[in-house]
N, C-alpha and C. Protein backbone atom coordinates (compact mmCIF):
# COMPACT_ATOMS: atom_id res chain seq x y z
N MET A 1 95.13 108.62 35.72
CA MET A 1 95.02 110.02 35.28
C MET A 1 95.26 110.13 33.78
N ARG A 2 96.26 109.38 33.29
CA ARG A 2 96.57 109.44 31.87
C ARG A 2 95.38 108.98 31.02
N LYS A 3 94.73 107.89 31.46
CA LYS A 3 93.57 107.40 30.71
C LYS A 3 92.44 108.41 30.73
N THR A 4 92.24 109.06 31.87
CA THR A 4 91.17 110.06 31.97
C THR A 4 91.41 111.21 31.02
N TRP A 5 92.62 111.76 31.05
CA TRP A 5 92.94 112.88 30.17
C TRP A 5 92.90 112.47 28.71
N LEU A 6 93.39 111.27 28.40
CA LEU A 6 93.39 110.81 27.02
C LEU A 6 91.97 110.70 26.48
N SER A 7 91.08 110.14 27.28
CA SER A 7 89.68 110.02 26.84
C SER A 7 89.04 111.38 26.67
N PHE A 8 89.35 112.31 27.60
CA PHE A 8 88.78 113.65 27.53
C PHE A 8 89.25 114.39 26.28
N VAL A 9 90.55 114.28 25.98
CA VAL A 9 91.11 114.94 24.80
C VAL A 9 90.54 114.35 23.52
N VAL A 10 90.37 113.02 23.50
CA VAL A 10 89.81 112.37 22.30
C VAL A 10 88.39 112.87 22.06
N LEU A 11 87.60 113.00 23.12
CA LEU A 11 86.23 113.49 22.97
C LEU A 11 86.20 114.91 22.41
N LEU A 12 87.05 115.77 22.94
CA LEU A 12 87.08 117.15 22.47
C LEU A 12 87.59 117.23 21.04
N ALA A 13 88.61 116.44 20.72
CA ALA A 13 89.15 116.45 19.36
C ALA A 13 88.11 115.96 18.36
N GLY A 14 87.37 114.92 18.73
CA GLY A 14 86.32 114.43 17.83
C GLY A 14 85.24 115.45 17.61
N ALA A 15 84.87 116.15 18.67
CA ALA A 15 83.85 117.20 18.53
C ALA A 15 84.35 118.32 17.65
N ALA A 16 85.63 118.69 17.81
CA ALA A 16 86.18 119.77 17.00
C ALA A 16 86.22 119.40 15.53
N VAL A 17 86.63 118.17 15.25
CA VAL A 17 86.67 117.73 13.85
C VAL A 17 85.28 117.73 13.24
N PHE A 18 84.29 117.24 14.01
CA PHE A 18 82.92 117.22 13.49
C PHE A 18 82.41 118.63 13.24
N ALA A 19 82.72 119.55 14.15
CA ALA A 19 82.23 120.92 14.00
C ALA A 19 82.88 121.63 12.84
N GLN A 20 84.13 121.30 12.54
CA GLN A 20 84.81 121.97 11.46
C GLN A 20 84.47 121.37 10.10
N THR A 21 83.82 120.21 10.09
CA THR A 21 83.49 119.59 8.82
C THR A 21 82.37 120.36 8.15
N GLY A 22 82.55 120.72 6.87
CA GLY A 22 81.55 121.48 6.14
C GLY A 22 82.04 121.76 4.75
N PRO A 23 81.33 122.55 3.97
CA PRO A 23 81.76 122.88 2.63
C PRO A 23 83.12 123.53 2.66
N MET A 24 84.05 123.02 1.93
CA MET A 24 85.40 123.53 1.90
C MET A 24 85.69 124.11 0.53
N PRO A 25 86.75 124.90 0.44
CA PRO A 25 87.06 125.52 -0.85
C PRO A 25 87.18 124.49 -1.95
N GLY A 26 86.50 124.75 -3.05
CA GLY A 26 86.60 123.86 -4.20
C GLY A 26 85.64 122.69 -4.17
N HIS A 27 84.87 122.54 -3.09
CA HIS A 27 83.94 121.43 -3.01
C HIS A 27 82.86 121.58 -4.07
N ARG A 28 82.63 120.50 -4.82
CA ARG A 28 81.70 120.56 -5.96
C ARG A 28 80.29 120.90 -5.52
N GLY A 29 79.90 120.46 -4.31
CA GLY A 29 78.53 120.70 -3.88
C GLY A 29 78.33 121.98 -3.11
N ALA A 30 79.38 122.81 -2.98
CA ALA A 30 79.24 124.04 -2.21
C ALA A 30 78.38 125.04 -2.96
N PRO A 31 77.52 125.77 -2.26
CA PRO A 31 76.68 126.78 -2.91
C PRO A 31 77.54 127.83 -3.57
N ASP A 32 77.04 128.42 -4.64
CA ASP A 32 77.81 129.41 -5.37
C ASP A 32 78.10 130.63 -4.51
N GLY A 33 77.22 130.94 -3.54
CA GLY A 33 77.47 132.09 -2.69
C GLY A 33 78.56 131.86 -1.67
N PHE A 34 78.94 130.60 -1.47
CA PHE A 34 79.94 130.27 -0.46
C PHE A 34 81.34 130.42 -1.01
N PHE A 35 81.61 129.79 -2.12
CA PHE A 35 82.87 129.97 -2.82
C PHE A 35 82.57 130.19 -4.29
N ALA A 36 83.56 130.63 -5.03
CA ALA A 36 83.36 130.91 -6.45
C ALA A 36 82.92 129.65 -7.17
N GLY A 37 82.16 129.82 -8.26
CA GLY A 37 81.66 128.69 -9.01
C GLY A 37 82.76 127.95 -9.76
N ASP A 38 82.36 127.02 -10.62
CA ASP A 38 83.31 126.20 -11.36
C ASP A 38 84.19 127.08 -12.25
N PRO A 39 85.53 127.07 -12.04
CA PRO A 39 86.41 127.96 -12.80
C PRO A 39 86.36 127.70 -14.30
N LEU A 40 86.27 126.43 -14.71
CA LEU A 40 86.30 126.12 -16.14
C LEU A 40 85.09 126.69 -16.84
N SER A 41 83.89 126.51 -16.27
CA SER A 41 82.69 127.02 -16.92
C SER A 41 82.70 128.55 -16.97
N LEU A 42 83.21 129.18 -15.90
CA LEU A 42 83.28 130.63 -15.90
C LEU A 42 84.24 131.14 -16.97
N ASP A 43 85.40 130.50 -17.10
CA ASP A 43 86.37 130.92 -18.12
C ASP A 43 85.83 130.69 -19.52
N LEU A 44 85.14 129.57 -19.73
CA LEU A 44 84.56 129.31 -21.04
C LEU A 44 83.50 130.36 -21.38
N GLY A 45 82.76 130.80 -20.37
CA GLY A 45 81.78 131.85 -20.62
C GLY A 45 82.44 133.15 -21.03
N ILE A 46 83.57 133.48 -20.42
CA ILE A 46 84.30 134.69 -20.79
C ILE A 46 84.81 134.59 -22.22
N VAL A 47 85.35 133.43 -22.57
CA VAL A 47 85.87 133.23 -23.94
C VAL A 47 84.73 133.33 -24.95
N ALA A 48 83.59 132.69 -24.64
CA ALA A 48 82.46 132.72 -25.57
C ALA A 48 81.94 134.14 -25.75
N ALA A 49 81.88 134.91 -24.67
CA ALA A 49 81.40 136.29 -24.78
C ALA A 49 82.37 137.14 -25.59
N GLU A 50 83.65 136.88 -25.46
CA GLU A 50 84.64 137.66 -26.19
C GLU A 50 84.66 137.31 -27.68
N LEU A 51 84.47 136.02 -27.99
CA LEU A 51 84.53 135.59 -29.39
C LEU A 51 83.28 135.98 -30.16
N GLY A 52 82.13 135.81 -29.54
CA GLY A 52 80.88 136.06 -30.27
C GLY A 52 80.72 135.03 -31.38
N ASP A 53 80.61 135.50 -32.62
CA ASP A 53 80.47 134.61 -33.77
C ASP A 53 81.82 134.22 -34.36
N ARG A 54 82.89 134.73 -33.81
CA ARG A 54 84.22 134.45 -34.36
C ARG A 54 84.78 133.17 -33.75
N LYS A 55 85.86 132.68 -34.36
CA LYS A 55 86.60 131.55 -33.83
C LYS A 55 87.87 132.08 -33.17
N LEU A 56 88.44 131.26 -32.32
CA LEU A 56 89.63 131.69 -31.60
C LEU A 56 90.76 132.04 -32.56
N GLY A 57 90.84 131.29 -33.67
CA GLY A 57 91.90 131.56 -34.64
C GLY A 57 91.71 132.87 -35.39
N ASP A 58 90.52 133.47 -35.32
CA ASP A 58 90.28 134.74 -36.01
C ASP A 58 90.82 135.94 -35.23
N LEU A 59 91.19 135.74 -33.96
CA LEU A 59 91.65 136.85 -33.14
C LEU A 59 93.11 137.17 -33.47
N ASP A 60 93.42 138.46 -33.54
CA ASP A 60 94.80 138.88 -33.77
C ASP A 60 95.51 139.01 -32.42
N GLY A 61 96.75 139.45 -32.45
CA GLY A 61 97.55 139.53 -31.24
C GLY A 61 96.94 140.40 -30.16
N PRO A 62 96.56 141.63 -30.44
CA PRO A 62 95.95 142.48 -29.40
C PRO A 62 94.68 141.89 -28.83
N ALA A 63 93.86 141.26 -29.70
CA ALA A 63 92.61 140.67 -29.21
C ALA A 63 92.90 139.49 -28.29
N LEU A 64 93.91 138.67 -28.64
CA LEU A 64 94.29 137.56 -27.77
C LEU A 64 94.83 138.06 -26.44
N ALA A 65 95.62 139.15 -26.51
CA ALA A 65 96.16 139.71 -25.28
C ALA A 65 95.04 140.23 -24.38
N ALA A 66 94.02 140.87 -24.98
CA ALA A 66 92.90 141.37 -24.20
C ALA A 66 92.11 140.22 -23.57
N LEU A 67 91.94 139.12 -24.35
CA LEU A 67 91.24 137.96 -23.81
C LEU A 67 92.03 137.36 -22.65
N GLY A 68 93.34 137.26 -22.82
CA GLY A 68 94.17 136.72 -21.74
C GLY A 68 94.10 137.58 -20.48
N GLN A 69 94.04 138.91 -20.67
CA GLN A 69 93.92 139.80 -19.52
C GLN A 69 92.60 139.60 -18.79
N LYS A 70 91.52 139.40 -19.54
CA LYS A 70 90.22 139.16 -18.92
C LYS A 70 90.22 137.85 -18.14
N LEU A 71 90.83 136.82 -18.72
CA LEU A 71 90.89 135.54 -18.02
C LEU A 71 91.75 135.65 -16.76
N ARG A 72 92.84 136.40 -16.85
CA ARG A 72 93.71 136.57 -15.69
C ARG A 72 92.98 137.31 -14.57
N MET A 73 92.27 138.38 -14.92
CA MET A 73 91.54 139.12 -13.91
C MET A 73 90.41 138.30 -13.31
N ALA A 74 89.76 137.47 -14.16
CA ALA A 74 88.70 136.60 -13.63
C ALA A 74 89.26 135.62 -12.62
N ALA A 75 90.46 135.08 -12.91
CA ALA A 75 91.10 134.15 -11.97
C ALA A 75 91.46 134.86 -10.66
N LEU A 76 91.95 136.09 -10.76
CA LEU A 76 92.29 136.84 -9.56
C LEU A 76 91.04 137.15 -8.73
N GLU A 77 89.96 137.48 -9.40
CA GLU A 77 88.72 137.77 -8.68
C GLU A 77 88.19 136.53 -7.96
N ARG A 78 88.25 135.37 -8.64
CA ARG A 78 87.81 134.14 -7.99
C ARG A 78 88.68 133.83 -6.78
N ALA A 79 89.99 134.04 -6.92
CA ALA A 79 90.90 133.78 -5.81
C ALA A 79 90.59 134.71 -4.64
N TYR A 80 90.27 135.96 -4.94
CA TYR A 80 89.94 136.91 -3.89
C TYR A 80 88.65 136.51 -3.18
N VAL A 81 87.63 136.12 -3.94
CA VAL A 81 86.37 135.72 -3.33
C VAL A 81 86.57 134.49 -2.44
N ARG A 82 87.32 133.50 -2.94
CA ARG A 82 87.60 132.31 -2.12
C ARG A 82 88.36 132.68 -0.85
N HIS A 83 89.32 133.59 -1.00
CA HIS A 83 90.13 134.01 0.14
C HIS A 83 89.27 134.68 1.21
N VAL A 84 88.41 135.59 0.80
CA VAL A 84 87.56 136.30 1.74
C VAL A 84 86.56 135.35 2.39
N ALA A 85 85.98 134.44 1.60
CA ALA A 85 85.03 133.47 2.15
C ALA A 85 85.72 132.55 3.16
N ALA A 86 86.94 132.11 2.85
CA ALA A 86 87.67 131.24 3.77
C ALA A 86 88.01 131.98 5.06
N MET A 87 88.32 133.27 4.96
CA MET A 87 88.61 134.06 6.16
C MET A 87 87.43 134.04 7.11
N SER A 88 86.22 134.23 6.58
CA SER A 88 85.04 134.26 7.45
C SER A 88 84.63 132.88 7.91
N PHE A 89 85.06 131.83 7.21
CA PHE A 89 84.78 130.49 7.70
C PHE A 89 85.67 130.17 8.89
N MET A 90 86.93 130.59 8.82
CA MET A 90 87.85 130.36 9.92
C MET A 90 87.57 131.29 11.10
N MET A 91 87.27 132.55 10.82
CA MET A 91 86.95 133.52 11.86
C MET A 91 85.78 134.37 11.37
N PRO A 92 84.55 134.04 11.76
CA PRO A 92 83.38 134.78 11.29
C PRO A 92 83.56 136.29 11.45
N GLY A 93 83.29 137.01 10.37
CA GLY A 93 83.42 138.45 10.37
C GLY A 93 84.69 138.96 9.73
N ALA A 94 85.74 138.13 9.69
CA ALA A 94 87.02 138.58 9.15
C ALA A 94 86.91 138.93 7.67
N GLY A 95 86.20 138.10 6.91
CA GLY A 95 86.04 138.37 5.49
C GLY A 95 85.24 139.63 5.23
N GLN A 96 84.23 139.88 6.06
CA GLN A 96 83.44 141.10 5.91
C GLN A 96 84.31 142.34 6.15
N PHE A 97 85.17 142.28 7.17
CA PHE A 97 86.06 143.40 7.43
C PHE A 97 86.99 143.63 6.24
N ALA A 98 87.50 142.54 5.66
CA ALA A 98 88.41 142.66 4.52
C ALA A 98 87.71 143.26 3.31
N ALA A 99 86.40 142.98 3.15
CA ALA A 99 85.64 143.48 2.01
C ALA A 99 85.02 144.85 2.28
N GLY A 100 85.23 145.38 3.48
CA GLY A 100 84.73 146.72 3.78
C GLY A 100 83.36 146.77 4.41
N ASP A 101 82.81 145.63 4.83
CA ASP A 101 81.49 145.60 5.46
C ASP A 101 81.67 145.40 6.96
N GLY A 102 82.07 146.45 7.64
CA GLY A 102 82.40 146.34 9.06
C GLY A 102 81.21 146.04 9.94
N GLY A 103 80.03 146.57 9.61
CA GLY A 103 78.86 146.34 10.45
C GLY A 103 78.46 144.88 10.50
N THR A 104 78.34 144.26 9.32
CA THR A 104 77.99 142.84 9.28
C THR A 104 79.10 141.99 9.88
N GLY A 105 80.34 142.39 9.61
CA GLY A 105 81.46 141.64 10.17
C GLY A 105 81.44 141.65 11.69
N ALA A 106 81.12 142.80 12.28
CA ALA A 106 81.05 142.90 13.74
C ALA A 106 79.94 142.01 14.29
N ALA A 107 78.82 141.93 13.58
CA ALA A 107 77.70 141.11 14.04
C ALA A 107 78.08 139.62 14.03
N PHE A 108 78.71 139.18 12.93
CA PHE A 108 79.13 137.77 12.87
C PHE A 108 80.20 137.47 13.93
N LEU A 109 81.16 138.38 14.10
CA LEU A 109 82.22 138.17 15.07
C LEU A 109 81.66 138.12 16.48
N ALA A 110 80.72 139.02 16.80
CA ALA A 110 80.11 139.02 18.13
C ALA A 110 79.35 137.72 18.40
N SER A 111 78.65 137.21 17.38
CA SER A 111 77.92 135.95 17.55
C SER A 111 78.88 134.80 17.81
N HIS A 112 79.98 134.78 17.06
CA HIS A 112 80.98 133.73 17.22
C HIS A 112 81.60 133.78 18.62
N ILE A 113 81.97 134.98 19.08
CA ILE A 113 82.58 135.13 20.40
C ILE A 113 81.60 134.74 21.49
N ALA A 114 80.34 135.14 21.32
CA ALA A 114 79.33 134.82 22.34
C ALA A 114 79.14 133.31 22.47
N ILE A 115 79.11 132.61 21.34
CA ILE A 115 78.95 131.14 21.39
C ILE A 115 80.16 130.49 22.04
N CYS A 116 81.36 130.92 21.66
CA CYS A 116 82.58 130.33 22.23
C CYS A 116 82.67 130.62 23.73
N ALA A 117 82.41 131.88 24.11
CA ALA A 117 82.48 132.23 25.53
C ALA A 117 81.42 131.48 26.34
N GLY A 118 80.21 131.41 25.79
CA GLY A 118 79.16 130.69 26.50
C GLY A 118 79.48 129.22 26.68
N SER A 119 80.09 128.61 25.65
CA SER A 119 80.46 127.20 25.75
C SER A 119 81.52 126.98 26.82
N ILE A 120 82.52 127.86 26.86
CA ILE A 120 83.60 127.72 27.85
C ILE A 120 83.07 127.91 29.26
N VAL A 121 82.25 128.94 29.46
CA VAL A 121 81.69 129.20 30.80
C VAL A 121 80.77 128.04 31.22
N GLY A 122 79.93 127.59 30.29
CA GLY A 122 79.05 126.47 30.62
C GLY A 122 79.82 125.21 30.96
N ALA A 123 80.89 124.93 30.20
CA ALA A 123 81.70 123.75 30.47
C ALA A 123 82.37 123.86 31.84
N TYR A 124 82.81 125.07 32.19
CA TYR A 124 83.47 125.26 33.49
C TYR A 124 82.51 124.94 34.63
N PHE A 125 81.29 125.44 34.57
CA PHE A 125 80.35 125.22 35.67
C PHE A 125 79.83 123.79 35.71
N LEU A 126 80.01 123.03 34.62
CA LEU A 126 79.60 121.63 34.63
C LEU A 126 80.73 120.69 35.04
N LEU A 127 81.91 121.24 35.30
CA LEU A 127 82.97 120.43 35.88
C LEU A 127 82.61 120.08 37.31
N PRO A 128 83.18 119.02 37.85
CA PRO A 128 82.95 118.72 39.27
C PRO A 128 83.29 119.94 40.13
N THR A 129 82.46 120.21 41.14
CA THR A 129 82.59 121.45 41.91
C THR A 129 83.94 121.57 42.62
N ASP A 130 84.55 120.45 42.98
CA ASP A 130 85.83 120.55 43.68
C ASP A 130 86.97 120.97 42.76
N LEU A 131 86.70 121.07 41.44
CA LEU A 131 87.71 121.53 40.49
C LEU A 131 87.54 123.00 40.14
N HIS A 132 86.52 123.66 40.69
CA HIS A 132 86.30 125.07 40.40
C HIS A 132 87.37 125.93 41.06
N LEU A 133 87.50 127.15 40.58
CA LEU A 133 88.56 128.05 41.05
C LEU A 133 88.42 128.39 42.53
N ASP A 134 87.17 128.41 43.03
CA ASP A 134 86.99 128.76 44.44
C ASP A 134 87.28 127.59 45.38
N ARG A 135 87.46 126.41 44.80
CA ARG A 135 87.73 125.22 45.62
C ARG A 135 89.15 124.70 45.46
N LEU A 136 89.79 125.09 44.35
CA LEU A 136 91.12 124.56 44.08
C LEU A 136 92.02 125.70 43.62
N ASP A 137 93.12 125.88 44.34
CA ASP A 137 94.07 126.94 44.01
C ASP A 137 95.04 126.44 42.94
N TYR A 138 94.75 126.81 41.67
CA TYR A 138 95.55 126.30 40.57
C TYR A 138 96.94 126.93 40.51
N LEU A 139 97.09 128.12 41.07
CA LEU A 139 98.38 128.79 41.02
C LEU A 139 99.26 128.45 42.22
N GLY A 140 98.65 128.26 43.38
CA GLY A 140 99.44 128.03 44.59
C GLY A 140 99.59 126.57 44.98
N SER A 141 98.78 125.69 44.41
CA SER A 141 98.85 124.27 44.79
C SER A 141 99.95 123.55 44.02
N PRO A 142 100.57 122.54 44.64
CA PRO A 142 101.56 121.73 43.92
C PRO A 142 100.90 120.99 42.76
N ILE A 143 101.71 120.71 41.75
CA ILE A 143 101.18 120.00 40.58
C ILE A 143 100.64 118.64 40.98
N SER A 144 101.27 118.00 41.95
CA SER A 144 100.81 116.68 42.39
C SER A 144 99.41 116.76 42.98
N SER A 145 99.10 117.87 43.67
CA SER A 145 97.76 118.04 44.24
C SER A 145 96.72 118.24 43.14
N LEU A 146 97.08 119.05 42.14
CA LEU A 146 96.18 119.26 41.01
C LEU A 146 95.93 117.95 40.27
N ASP A 147 97.00 117.16 40.10
CA ASP A 147 96.86 115.88 39.41
C ASP A 147 95.94 114.95 40.19
N SER A 148 96.09 114.95 41.48
CA SER A 148 95.24 114.08 42.31
C SER A 148 93.78 114.50 42.26
N ALA A 149 93.56 115.83 42.26
CA ALA A 149 92.18 116.33 42.22
C ALA A 149 91.49 115.94 40.93
N TRP A 150 92.17 116.09 39.80
CA TRP A 150 91.56 115.73 38.52
C TRP A 150 91.48 114.21 38.36
N ASN A 151 92.43 113.49 38.93
CA ASN A 151 92.44 112.03 38.81
C ASN A 151 91.37 111.38 39.68
N ALA A 152 90.82 112.13 40.60
CA ALA A 152 89.81 111.58 41.50
C ALA A 152 88.46 111.39 40.80
N HIS A 153 88.33 111.88 39.58
CA HIS A 153 87.06 111.77 38.84
C HIS A 153 87.21 110.86 37.64
N SER A 154 86.11 110.26 37.26
CA SER A 154 86.11 109.40 36.08
C SER A 154 85.77 110.21 34.84
N VAL A 155 85.88 109.58 33.69
CA VAL A 155 85.55 110.24 32.42
C VAL A 155 84.09 110.67 32.41
N ILE A 156 83.23 109.88 33.02
CA ILE A 156 81.80 110.20 33.06
C ILE A 156 81.57 111.55 33.74
N ASP A 157 82.38 111.85 34.75
CA ASP A 157 82.22 113.13 35.45
C ASP A 157 82.52 114.32 34.54
N TYR A 158 83.34 114.10 33.52
CA TYR A 158 83.73 115.19 32.63
C TYR A 158 82.84 115.27 31.38
N LEU A 159 81.98 114.28 31.18
CA LEU A 159 81.17 114.27 29.97
C LEU A 159 80.24 115.48 29.83
N PRO A 160 79.57 115.95 30.90
CA PRO A 160 78.72 117.14 30.72
C PRO A 160 79.49 118.35 30.20
N ALA A 161 80.67 118.59 30.73
CA ALA A 161 81.48 119.72 30.27
C ALA A 161 81.91 119.52 28.83
N ALA A 162 82.34 118.31 28.52
CA ALA A 162 82.75 118.02 27.14
C ALA A 162 81.57 118.16 26.18
N GLY A 163 80.38 117.75 26.64
CA GLY A 163 79.19 117.86 25.79
C GLY A 163 78.85 119.31 25.49
N ILE A 164 79.00 120.19 26.47
CA ILE A 164 78.73 121.62 26.24
C ILE A 164 79.71 122.19 25.22
N LEU A 165 80.98 121.83 25.33
CA LEU A 165 81.96 122.31 24.36
C LEU A 165 81.64 121.81 22.96
N ALA A 166 81.27 120.53 22.86
CA ALA A 166 80.93 119.98 21.55
C ALA A 166 79.68 120.64 20.98
N ALA A 167 78.69 120.89 21.84
CA ALA A 167 77.46 121.54 21.37
C ALA A 167 77.76 122.96 20.88
N GLY A 168 78.65 123.65 21.58
CA GLY A 168 79.02 125.00 21.16
C GLY A 168 79.68 125.01 19.80
N MET A 169 80.55 124.03 19.54
CA MET A 169 81.21 123.93 18.24
C MET A 169 80.19 123.67 17.13
N ILE A 170 79.21 122.83 17.43
CA ILE A 170 78.20 122.50 16.42
C ILE A 170 77.30 123.71 16.14
N VAL A 171 76.93 124.43 17.21
CA VAL A 171 76.09 125.62 17.02
C VAL A 171 76.86 126.69 16.25
N ASP A 172 78.16 126.74 16.45
CA ASP A 172 78.99 127.75 15.79
C ASP A 172 79.16 127.48 14.30
N LEU A 173 78.96 126.24 13.89
CA LEU A 173 79.18 125.88 12.48
C LEU A 173 78.27 126.65 11.52
N PRO A 174 76.95 126.78 11.77
CA PRO A 174 76.13 127.59 10.85
C PRO A 174 76.57 129.05 10.79
N ILE A 175 77.06 129.59 11.91
CA ILE A 175 77.56 130.97 11.90
C ILE A 175 78.72 131.08 10.92
N ARG A 176 79.62 130.12 10.95
CA ARG A 176 80.76 130.13 10.03
C ARG A 176 80.28 130.02 8.57
N PHE A 177 79.32 129.14 8.35
CA PHE A 177 78.84 128.91 6.98
C PHE A 177 78.19 130.16 6.40
N PHE A 178 77.26 130.75 7.16
CA PHE A 178 76.57 131.93 6.65
C PHE A 178 77.49 133.14 6.58
N ALA A 179 78.46 133.22 7.49
CA ALA A 179 79.45 134.30 7.41
C ALA A 179 80.27 134.18 6.14
N SER A 180 80.60 132.94 5.75
CA SER A 180 81.38 132.73 4.53
C SER A 180 80.58 133.11 3.30
N ARG A 181 79.33 132.71 3.26
CA ARG A 181 78.48 133.06 2.12
C ARG A 181 78.32 134.58 2.00
N ASN A 182 78.08 135.22 3.13
CA ASN A 182 77.90 136.67 3.12
C ASN A 182 79.20 137.37 2.72
N ALA A 183 80.32 136.88 3.19
CA ALA A 183 81.61 137.48 2.84
C ALA A 183 81.89 137.35 1.35
N ALA A 184 81.53 136.19 0.77
CA ALA A 184 81.72 136.01 -0.67
C ALA A 184 80.86 137.00 -1.45
N ASP A 185 79.62 137.20 -1.00
CA ASP A 185 78.75 138.18 -1.66
C ASP A 185 79.31 139.60 -1.53
N ASP A 186 79.84 139.92 -0.34
CA ASP A 186 80.44 141.23 -0.14
C ASP A 186 81.65 141.43 -1.05
N ALA A 187 82.44 140.38 -1.21
CA ALA A 187 83.63 140.47 -2.06
C ALA A 187 83.23 140.70 -3.52
N ARG A 188 82.21 139.99 -3.99
CA ARG A 188 81.76 140.18 -5.38
C ARG A 188 81.22 141.59 -5.58
N ALA A 189 80.46 142.08 -4.59
CA ALA A 189 79.92 143.43 -4.70
C ALA A 189 81.03 144.47 -4.71
N ALA A 190 82.05 144.27 -3.89
CA ALA A 190 83.17 145.21 -3.84
C ALA A 190 83.93 145.22 -5.15
N LEU A 191 84.08 144.05 -5.76
CA LEU A 191 84.75 143.97 -7.06
C LEU A 191 83.92 144.64 -8.15
N LYS A 192 82.62 144.43 -8.09
CA LYS A 192 81.73 144.98 -9.12
C LYS A 192 81.70 146.50 -9.08
N THR A 193 81.72 147.07 -7.88
CA THR A 193 81.65 148.52 -7.73
C THR A 193 83.02 149.19 -7.83
N GLY A 194 84.08 148.38 -7.95
CA GLY A 194 85.42 148.96 -8.03
C GLY A 194 86.00 149.34 -6.69
N LYS A 195 85.35 148.92 -5.60
CA LYS A 195 85.86 149.23 -4.27
C LYS A 195 87.16 148.49 -3.99
N ILE A 196 87.31 147.33 -4.62
CA ILE A 196 88.50 146.52 -4.46
C ILE A 196 89.18 146.40 -5.83
N ASP A 197 90.44 146.69 -5.90
CA ASP A 197 91.24 146.52 -7.12
C ASP A 197 92.24 145.40 -6.89
N LEU A 198 92.34 144.53 -7.86
CA LEU A 198 93.27 143.41 -7.78
C LEU A 198 94.40 143.61 -8.77
N GLU A 199 95.58 143.19 -8.38
CA GLU A 199 96.70 143.20 -9.30
C GLU A 199 97.73 142.20 -8.81
N THR A 200 98.50 141.66 -9.74
CA THR A 200 99.56 140.75 -9.36
C THR A 200 100.74 141.55 -8.86
N GLN A 201 101.49 140.96 -7.96
CA GLN A 201 102.67 141.63 -7.41
C GLN A 201 103.73 140.57 -7.16
N PHE A 202 104.90 140.75 -7.74
CA PHE A 202 105.96 139.79 -7.54
C PHE A 202 106.44 139.84 -6.10
N GLY A 203 106.68 138.66 -5.55
CA GLY A 203 107.11 138.59 -4.17
C GLY A 203 106.72 137.25 -3.59
N PRO A 204 106.84 137.10 -2.27
CA PRO A 204 106.49 135.81 -1.64
C PRO A 204 105.04 135.46 -1.91
N GLY A 205 104.81 134.21 -2.19
CA GLY A 205 103.45 133.75 -2.45
C GLY A 205 103.47 132.57 -3.40
N PHE A 206 102.30 132.06 -3.69
CA PHE A 206 102.18 130.89 -4.55
C PHE A 206 102.64 131.19 -5.96
N ALA A 207 103.49 130.36 -6.51
CA ALA A 207 103.98 130.48 -7.88
C ALA A 207 104.67 131.82 -8.14
N GLY A 208 105.23 132.42 -7.10
CA GLY A 208 106.00 133.64 -7.27
C GLY A 208 105.19 134.91 -7.32
N TRP A 209 103.87 134.85 -7.14
CA TRP A 209 103.07 136.08 -7.14
C TRP A 209 102.08 136.02 -6.00
N ARG A 210 101.54 137.16 -5.67
CA ARG A 210 100.55 137.24 -4.62
C ARG A 210 99.53 138.30 -4.98
N LEU A 211 98.41 138.26 -4.31
CA LEU A 211 97.37 139.26 -4.54
C LEU A 211 97.63 140.50 -3.69
N ARG A 212 97.33 141.65 -4.23
CA ARG A 212 97.34 142.88 -3.46
C ARG A 212 96.02 143.60 -3.68
N TYR A 213 95.33 143.92 -2.60
CA TYR A 213 94.06 144.59 -2.72
C TYR A 213 93.82 145.43 -1.47
């Protein structure tokens, strides 16, 4: 029984790892719509636009303070976009809700739930029939009986169910990817229109500050 369960868990864990593999925050090859672009190039563009034909040493104190404020806000905006995109990668639709796009968020969330539910139901019906709820009383039977029932099958008997779960995870991956890209676009649009305001706030969080929006 131990070998059977160990093999089954390894198969599911491998499928989960494969399904979760994809563009991650900060990945150089990630599309610009998925996460914010290269921070250094964006900051250099802000500095160049602020300087114009001047040199950095030509700026006085107020001008340097204004430039620093622009760079700080740009960093906060990038952090917000990454945060919203990551939310929708982990839970499709969550980033859209955070950015105020409830309709699109509901569509992505419904797709994600449908795929997960369909995978679970399909895996259940592909289990050996003697393990179904109508054949085995999981609440009233002794644990030893349940162990014997599951131990009576080989790993091969569980492969169809495991395959359905793995296929569901793989199908769900594009939903996560496109939800993340869409959430990042929603976040940028919300920032551009002033729908979302960012500011630093002292308190728990990275480096002693956190975002509030």
